[in-house]
Amino acid sequence: MSSRNAGEVARVEDAGLTLAAQAGDVSALGLLLERHRAGMRAVAVSVLGPGPDVDDVVQDAALTALRRVGDVRDPEAVGAWLRMIVRNAARSLLRGAAEHRPLDEVRVPAADSGPERWLEHHAMRDWIWEAIEQLTPTLRLPLVLRHFSVGVTSYERLAEACGVPVGTVRSRLSQARAKLALALAATADAPHGDAGRRTRASRIEARETLLAAESGQFGKLLAERWSPEAALVRGNQPVGGRDLLVRGMECDLEAGVRQHLVHAVAGRSLVVWEMDITNPDDDPEHCPPAVAWLMSLDDAGRAHRLRLVHPSPLRADRLLLV
């Protein structure tokens, strides 16, 4: 077979796999990634040079492909599309500003794309979340922050949030991605919860929590909605219970500090609220400019453990709050 014919056959095969992946066949997506992994890796090496960042960028690109495969307009050119994702991620990493669009922010289909595309959009998001819930808490936290949050995406911030060294974060992310692929295959035909509804409800709860705090009802709200054993965690060790949380919030409010929700992530076992912080004019350095609330939930869906991480400041006007 001539090289030209071989190329045509490969493009036809790519098109078939892409269409199957867009229909929700995770094995088809896996085959696509394997077919093009060498090319994706070559692009990463050409931009970054040899090193551990190459594997990270390729793995991140695989997850991006998972959430955005429905965006591919020319299935025969999916290889070029995958290499473009790698190239953009590698260049962003070099700039020190890797762009991790949250996974629940899958691109909204055009208004004229029909109900089938809307169903595909929501089904894909719910399927991803269902698979993530199959991971252990140790692997789930860094994966969710890396790919779902806006501000807590760097390895340094992930290490702070998880209370482990950066090298451990890299290892856990690698394990989490591998296990997520297996979990996606295992949950493809399982019922999936409504991730969008869960996130919308969590966003409302976050705003209600901030309003309760500003009206002096933070302690009452925690007693009603959070676990009786709720605790603030630093590293991996609890440092105080609800009383400490109330005192900390009251002290900040008395100082004139205000928090403003800009992004929310909500799974069945893990919730992330990302806030911008406004400091008083007479004390502009009182608090860092942003904070992320990382909440592990108990079996009843109540906040059980809270970690506070201060990422780079968030820009509400740059976020897509779907």
Protein backbone atom coordinates (compact mmCIF):
# COMPACT_ATOMS: atom_id res chain seq x y z
CA MET A 1 0.00 0.00 0.00
CA SER A 2 1.39 3.45 -0.91
CA SER A 3 2.07 5.98 1.82
CA ARG A 4 -0.69 8.14 0.37
CA ASN A 5 -3.23 5.31 0.56
CA ALA A 6 -2.02 4.42 4.05
CA GLY A 7 -2.58 8.01 5.13
CA GLU A 8 -6.09 7.99 3.70
CA VAL A 9 -6.90 4.74 5.50
CA ALA A 10 -5.57 6.19 8.76
CA ARG A 11 -7.72 9.30 8.39
CA VAL A 12 -10.82 7.19 7.73
CA GLU A 13 -10.06 5.07 10.79
CA ASP A 14 -9.51 8.22 12.85
CA ALA A 15 -12.86 9.56 11.68
CA GLY A 16 -14.65 6.36 12.72
CA LEU A 17 -13.01 6.35 16.15
CA THR A 18 -13.74 10.04 16.66
CA LEU A 19 -17.42 9.64 15.84
CA ALA A 20 -17.62 6.65 18.20
CA ALA A 21 -15.90 8.66 20.95
CA GLN A 22 -18.32 11.54 20.41
CA ALA A 23 -21.13 9.02 20.90
CA GLY A 24 -19.67 8.11 24.32
CA ASP A 25 -17.45 5.12 23.51
CA VAL A 26 -14.50 5.51 25.90
CA SER A 27 -12.61 2.62 24.30
CA ALA A 28 -12.67 4.47 20.97
CA LEU A 29 -11.18 7.53 22.62
CA GLY A 30 -8.52 5.34 24.21
CA LEU A 31 -7.59 3.91 20.81
CA LEU A 32 -7.38 7.41 19.35
CA LEU A 33 -5.02 8.54 22.09
CA GLU A 34 -2.83 5.48 21.64
CA ARG A 35 -2.67 6.01 17.86
CA HIS A 36 -1.51 9.60 18.33
CA ARG A 37 0.40 9.41 21.62
CA ALA A 38 3.80 9.37 19.90
CA GLY A 39 2.95 12.48 17.91
CA MET A 40 1.53 14.23 20.97
CA ARG A 41 4.64 13.42 22.96
CA ALA A 42 6.90 14.61 20.15
CA VAL A 43 5.13 17.99 20.16
CA ALA A 44 5.51 18.28 23.94
CA VAL A 45 9.24 17.48 23.73
CA SER A 46 9.74 19.99 20.91
CA VAL A 47 8.26 22.77 23.07
CA LEU A 48 9.43 21.77 26.56
CA GLY A 49 12.50 19.63 25.96
CA PRO A 50 12.94 16.29 27.78
CA GLY A 51 11.67 16.11 31.36
CA PRO A 52 8.73 15.17 33.61
CA ASP A 53 6.58 18.05 32.30
CA VAL A 54 6.28 16.21 28.96
CA ASP A 55 4.30 13.35 30.47
CA ASP A 56 2.17 15.76 32.51
CA VAL A 57 1.25 17.80 29.44
CA VAL A 58 0.39 14.69 27.40
CA GLN A 59 -1.75 13.32 30.23
CA ASP A 60 -3.51 16.64 30.68
CA ALA A 61 -4.15 16.75 26.94
CA ALA A 62 -5.80 13.32 27.14
CA LEU A 63 -8.28 14.62 29.72
CA THR A 64 -8.89 17.72 27.62
CA ALA A 65 -9.63 15.44 24.67
CA LEU A 66 -12.09 13.53 26.82
CA ARG A 67 -14.12 16.58 27.67
CA ARG A 68 -13.86 18.29 24.28
CA VAL A 69 -13.99 15.46 21.76
CA GLY A 70 -17.50 16.62 20.88
CA ASP A 71 -15.98 19.85 19.56
CA VAL A 72 -14.03 18.12 16.78
CA ARG A 73 -15.50 19.38 13.49
CA ASP A 74 -13.28 17.35 11.13
CA PRO A 75 -12.99 13.80 12.51
CA GLU A 76 -10.36 12.89 9.92
CA ALA A 77 -8.09 15.63 11.31
CA VAL A 78 -8.35 14.57 14.96
CA GLY A 79 -4.59 13.91 15.11
CA ALA A 80 -3.81 17.54 14.33
CA TRP A 81 -6.43 18.58 16.89
CA LEU A 82 -4.76 16.47 19.59
CA ARG A 83 -1.33 17.85 18.78
CA MET A 84 -2.71 21.39 18.93
CA ILE A 85 -4.02 20.73 22.45
CA VAL A 86 -0.58 19.52 23.52
CA ARG A 87 1.18 22.47 21.91
CA ASN A 88 -1.11 25.02 23.57
CA ALA A 89 -0.77 23.35 26.98
CA ALA A 90 3.02 23.19 26.70
CA ARG A 91 3.30 26.84 25.68
CA SER A 92 1.03 27.88 28.54
CA LEU A 93 3.19 25.89 30.95
CA LEU A 94 6.28 27.74 29.73
CA ARG A 95 4.51 31.04 30.34
CA GLY A 96 3.79 29.89 33.88
CA ALA A 97 0.06 30.19 33.32
CA ALA A 98 -1.25 26.78 32.33
CA GLU A 99 -4.82 27.19 31.20
CA HIS A 100 -6.95 24.52 32.84
CA ARG A 101 -10.55 25.07 31.90
CA PRO A 102 -12.65 23.29 34.52
CA LEU A 103 -14.01 19.97 33.28
CA ASP A 104 -17.60 20.92 34.07
CA GLU A 105 -17.19 23.88 31.71
CA VAL A 106 -17.43 21.80 28.56
CA ARG A 107 -18.01 24.20 25.67
CA VAL A 108 -21.69 24.99 25.36
CA PRO A 109 -23.02 23.86 21.98
CA ALA A 110 -24.28 26.48 19.55
CA ALA A 111 -27.93 27.38 19.77
CA ASP A 112 -28.65 25.76 16.40
CA SER A 113 -26.89 22.47 17.20
CA GLY A 114 -30.09 20.75 18.26
CA PRO A 115 -31.18 18.86 21.39
CA GLU A 116 -28.90 15.92 20.63
CA ARG A 117 -25.79 18.07 21.22
CA TRP A 118 -27.25 19.43 24.46
CA LEU A 119 -27.90 15.89 25.67
CA GLU A 120 -24.38 14.87 24.67
CA HIS A 121 -22.93 17.88 26.52
CA HIS A 122 -24.67 17.10 29.79
CA ALA A 123 -24.28 13.32 29.53
CA MET A 124 -20.51 13.62 29.04
CA ARG A 125 -20.14 15.90 32.06
CA ASP A 126 -22.24 13.63 34.29
CA TRP A 127 -20.32 10.55 33.10
CA ILE A 128 -16.97 12.15 33.96
CA TRP A 129 -18.17 13.05 37.44
CA GLU A 130 -19.53 9.56 38.04
CA ALA A 131 -16.14 8.09 37.15
CA ILE A 132 -14.28 10.55 39.39
CA GLU A 133 -16.42 9.46 42.33
CA GLN A 134 -14.95 5.97 41.91
CA LEU A 135 -11.46 7.24 42.82
CA THR A 136 -10.13 7.14 46.35
CA PRO A 137 -10.20 10.49 48.23
CA THR A 138 -6.39 10.63 48.05
CA LEU A 139 -6.46 10.53 44.26
CA ARG A 140 -9.72 12.42 43.79
CA LEU A 141 -8.62 15.67 45.47
CA PRO A 142 -5.60 16.52 43.29
CA LEU A 143 -7.38 15.44 40.10
CA VAL A 144 -10.46 17.55 40.80
CA LEU A 145 -8.38 20.60 41.73
CA ARG A 146 -6.07 20.22 38.73
CA HIS A 147 -8.87 19.88 36.17
CA PHE A 148 -11.99 21.36 37.77
CA SER A 149 -10.80 24.35 39.80
CA VAL A 150 -9.69 27.68 38.42
CA GLY A 151 -7.03 28.84 40.89
CA VAL A 152 -5.68 25.70 42.58
CA THR A 153 -4.06 24.07 39.57
CA SER A 154 -0.30 24.47 39.97
CA TYR A 155 1.68 21.64 41.52
CA GLU A 156 2.74 23.92 44.37
CA ARG A 157 -0.87 24.80 45.25
CA LEU A 158 -1.92 21.16 44.91
CA ALA A 159 0.88 20.13 47.26
CA GLU A 160 -0.29 22.73 49.78
CA ALA A 161 -3.89 21.59 49.50
CA CYS A 162 -3.03 17.90 49.86
CA GLY A 163 -0.35 18.36 52.51
CA VAL A 164 2.26 16.41 50.53
CA PRO A 165 5.42 17.21 48.52
CA VAL A 166 5.17 18.26 44.88
CA GLY A 167 6.67 14.94 43.76
CA THR A 168 3.87 13.09 45.54
CA VAL A 169 1.30 15.29 43.80
CA ARG A 170 2.75 14.36 40.42
CA SER A 171 2.64 10.68 41.31
CA ARG A 172 -0.95 10.87 42.55
CA LEU A 173 -2.10 12.72 39.46
CA SER A 174 -0.53 10.08 37.25
CA GLN A 175 -2.27 7.32 39.21
CA ALA A 176 -5.56 9.23 39.21
CA ARG A 177 -5.55 9.69 35.44
CA ALA A 178 -4.84 6.02 34.86
CA LYS A 179 -7.58 4.92 37.25
CA LEU A 180 -9.99 7.47 35.81
CA ALA A 181 -9.65 5.84 32.39
CA LEU A 182 -10.63 2.50 33.93
CA ALA A 183 -13.47 4.09 35.90
CA LEU A 184 -14.84 5.74 32.76
CA ALA A 185 -15.03 2.37 31.04
CA ALA A 186 -16.65 0.80 34.12
CA THR A 187 -19.31 3.53 34.47
CA ALA A 188 -20.13 4.05 30.78
CA ASP A 189 -23.44 2.22 31.08
CA ALA A 190 -24.18 3.13 34.71
CA PRO A 191 -26.75 5.77 35.75
CA HIS A 192 -25.11 9.18 36.16
CA GLY A 193 -26.16 11.92 38.57
CA ASP A 194 -26.95 15.43 37.37
CA ALA A 195 -23.64 17.22 37.92
CA GLY A 196 -25.00 20.52 36.65
CA ARG A 197 -27.85 20.56 39.14
CA ARG A 198 -25.47 19.63 41.95
CA THR A 199 -23.11 22.49 41.06
CA ARG A 200 -25.94 25.02 40.81
CA ALA A 201 -27.23 23.98 44.22
CA SER A 202 -23.74 24.25 45.68
CA ARG A 203 -23.33 27.75 44.26
CA ILE A 204 -26.56 28.81 45.95
CA GLU A 205 -25.38 27.24 49.21
CA ALA A 206 -22.07 29.10 49.01
CA ARG A 207 -23.80 32.44 48.63
CA GLU A 208 -26.20 31.61 51.44
CA THR A 209 -23.21 30.75 53.63
CA LEU A 210 -21.54 34.10 52.97
CA LEU A 211 -24.78 35.99 53.58
CA ALA A 212 -25.31 34.09 56.85
CA ALA A 213 -21.80 35.00 57.95
CA GLU A 214 -22.30 38.69 57.20
CA SER A 215 -25.56 38.69 59.17
CA GLY A 216 -23.99 37.00 62.19
CA GLN A 217 -25.61 33.61 61.51
CA PHE A 218 -22.53 31.66 60.42
CA GLY A 219 -22.47 29.50 63.54
CA LYS A 220 -26.16 28.69 63.21
CA LEU A 221 -25.75 27.73 59.57
CA LEU A 222 -22.80 25.44 60.34
CA ALA A 223 -24.81 23.74 63.08
CA GLU A 224 -27.70 23.15 60.69
CA ARG A 225 -25.85 22.14 57.53
CA TRP A 226 -22.35 20.93 58.38
CA SER A 227 -21.31 17.73 60.13
CA PRO A 228 -21.12 17.90 63.94
CA GLU A 229 -17.51 16.71 63.54
CA ALA A 230 -16.67 19.40 60.94
CA ALA A 231 -13.06 20.52 61.31
CA LEU A 232 -10.55 22.83 59.72
CA VAL A 233 -7.61 20.86 58.33
CA ARG A 234 -4.08 22.08 57.65
CA GLY A 235 -1.88 19.64 55.81
CA ASN A 236 -3.53 16.41 56.85
CA GLN A 237 -4.22 17.28 60.48
CA PRO A 238 -7.41 18.80 61.97
CA VAL A 239 -6.58 22.00 63.86
CA GLY A 240 -10.01 22.93 65.18
CA GLY A 241 -13.75 22.42 64.93
CA ARG A 242 -16.75 24.59 64.15
CA ASP A 243 -15.93 27.07 66.92
CA LEU A 244 -12.59 27.84 65.27
CA LEU A 245 -14.29 28.30 61.90
CA VAL A 246 -16.82 30.71 63.39
CA ARG A 247 -14.17 32.73 65.23
CA GLY A 248 -12.03 33.00 62.12
CA MET A 249 -14.93 34.18 59.99
CA GLU A 250 -16.10 36.69 62.60
CA CYS A 251 -12.61 38.15 62.99
CA ASP A 252 -12.29 38.68 59.25
CA LEU A 253 -15.73 40.26 58.99
CA GLU A 254 -15.02 42.59 61.91
CA ALA A 255 -11.84 43.66 60.13
CA GLY A 256 -13.87 44.55 57.03
CA VAL A 257 -12.92 41.54 54.92
CA ARG A 258 -15.51 40.24 52.45
CA GLN A 259 -15.52 37.12 50.27
CA HIS A 260 -17.21 36.85 46.86
CA LEU A 261 -17.95 33.54 45.14
CA VAL A 262 -16.53 33.27 41.63
CA HIS A 263 -16.48 29.52 40.98
CA ALA A 264 -17.97 26.35 42.45
CA VAL A 265 -17.24 22.65 41.90
CA ALA A 266 -19.51 20.03 43.43
CA GLY A 267 -19.21 16.26 43.47
CA ARG A 268 -20.97 13.88 45.81
CA SER A 269 -17.94 13.67 48.11
CA LEU A 270 -15.94 16.83 47.41
CA VAL A 271 -16.93 20.49 47.01
CA VAL A 272 -14.74 23.44 46.05
CA TRP A 273 -15.78 27.08 46.48
CA GLU A 274 -13.36 29.63 45.04
CA MET A 275 -13.64 33.17 46.36
CA ASP A 276 -12.18 36.56 45.62
CA ILE A 277 -11.40 38.52 48.78
CA THR A 278 -11.95 42.25 49.28
CA ASN A 279 -9.87 43.82 52.07
CA PRO A 280 -10.67 47.10 53.84
CA ASP A 281 -9.12 50.24 52.34
CA ASP A 282 -7.11 50.91 55.50
CA ASP A 283 -5.66 47.38 55.56
CA PRO A 284 -5.38 46.15 51.94
CA GLU A 285 -3.00 43.32 52.89
CA HIS A 286 -5.14 41.88 55.69
CA CYS A 287 -5.92 38.71 53.72
CA PRO A 288 -4.60 37.21 50.47
CA PRO A 289 -6.67 38.25 47.43
CA ALA A 290 -8.33 34.86 46.97
CA VAL A 291 -9.21 31.72 48.89
CA ALA A 292 -10.48 28.27 47.93
CA TRP A 293 -12.66 26.30 50.34
CA LEU A 294 -11.97 22.58 49.83
CA MET A 295 -14.67 20.57 51.57
CA SER A 296 -14.84 16.81 51.98
CA LEU A 297 -18.40 15.61 52.55
CA ASP A 298 -19.64 12.87 54.84
CA ASP A 299 -22.09 10.13 53.81
CA ALA A 300 -25.01 12.50 54.42
CA GLY A 301 -23.55 15.12 52.07
CA ARG A 302 -22.54 17.50 54.87
CA ALA A 303 -19.20 19.34 54.98
CA HIS A 304 -16.91 17.26 57.19
CA ARG A 305 -13.37 18.54 56.57
CA LEU A 306 -12.43 22.01 55.33
CA ARG A 307 -9.08 23.02 53.86
CA LEU A 308 -8.39 26.65 52.97
CA VAL A 309 -5.92 27.34 50.16
CA HIS A 310 -4.91 30.76 48.86
CA PRO A 311 -4.39 30.61 45.07
CA SER A 312 -3.67 33.45 42.69
CA PRO A 313 -6.47 36.04 42.60
CA LEU A 314 -9.48 35.01 40.56
CA ARG A 315 -11.11 37.22 37.93
CA ALA A 316 -14.87 36.76 38.00
CA ASP A 317 -15.24 38.42 34.61
CA ARG A 318 -12.98 35.75 33.05
CA LEU A 319 -14.88 32.75 34.42
CA LEU A 320 -17.73 30.83 32.83
CA LEU A 321 -20.12 30.03 35.66
CA VAL A 322 -22.27 27.37 34.02
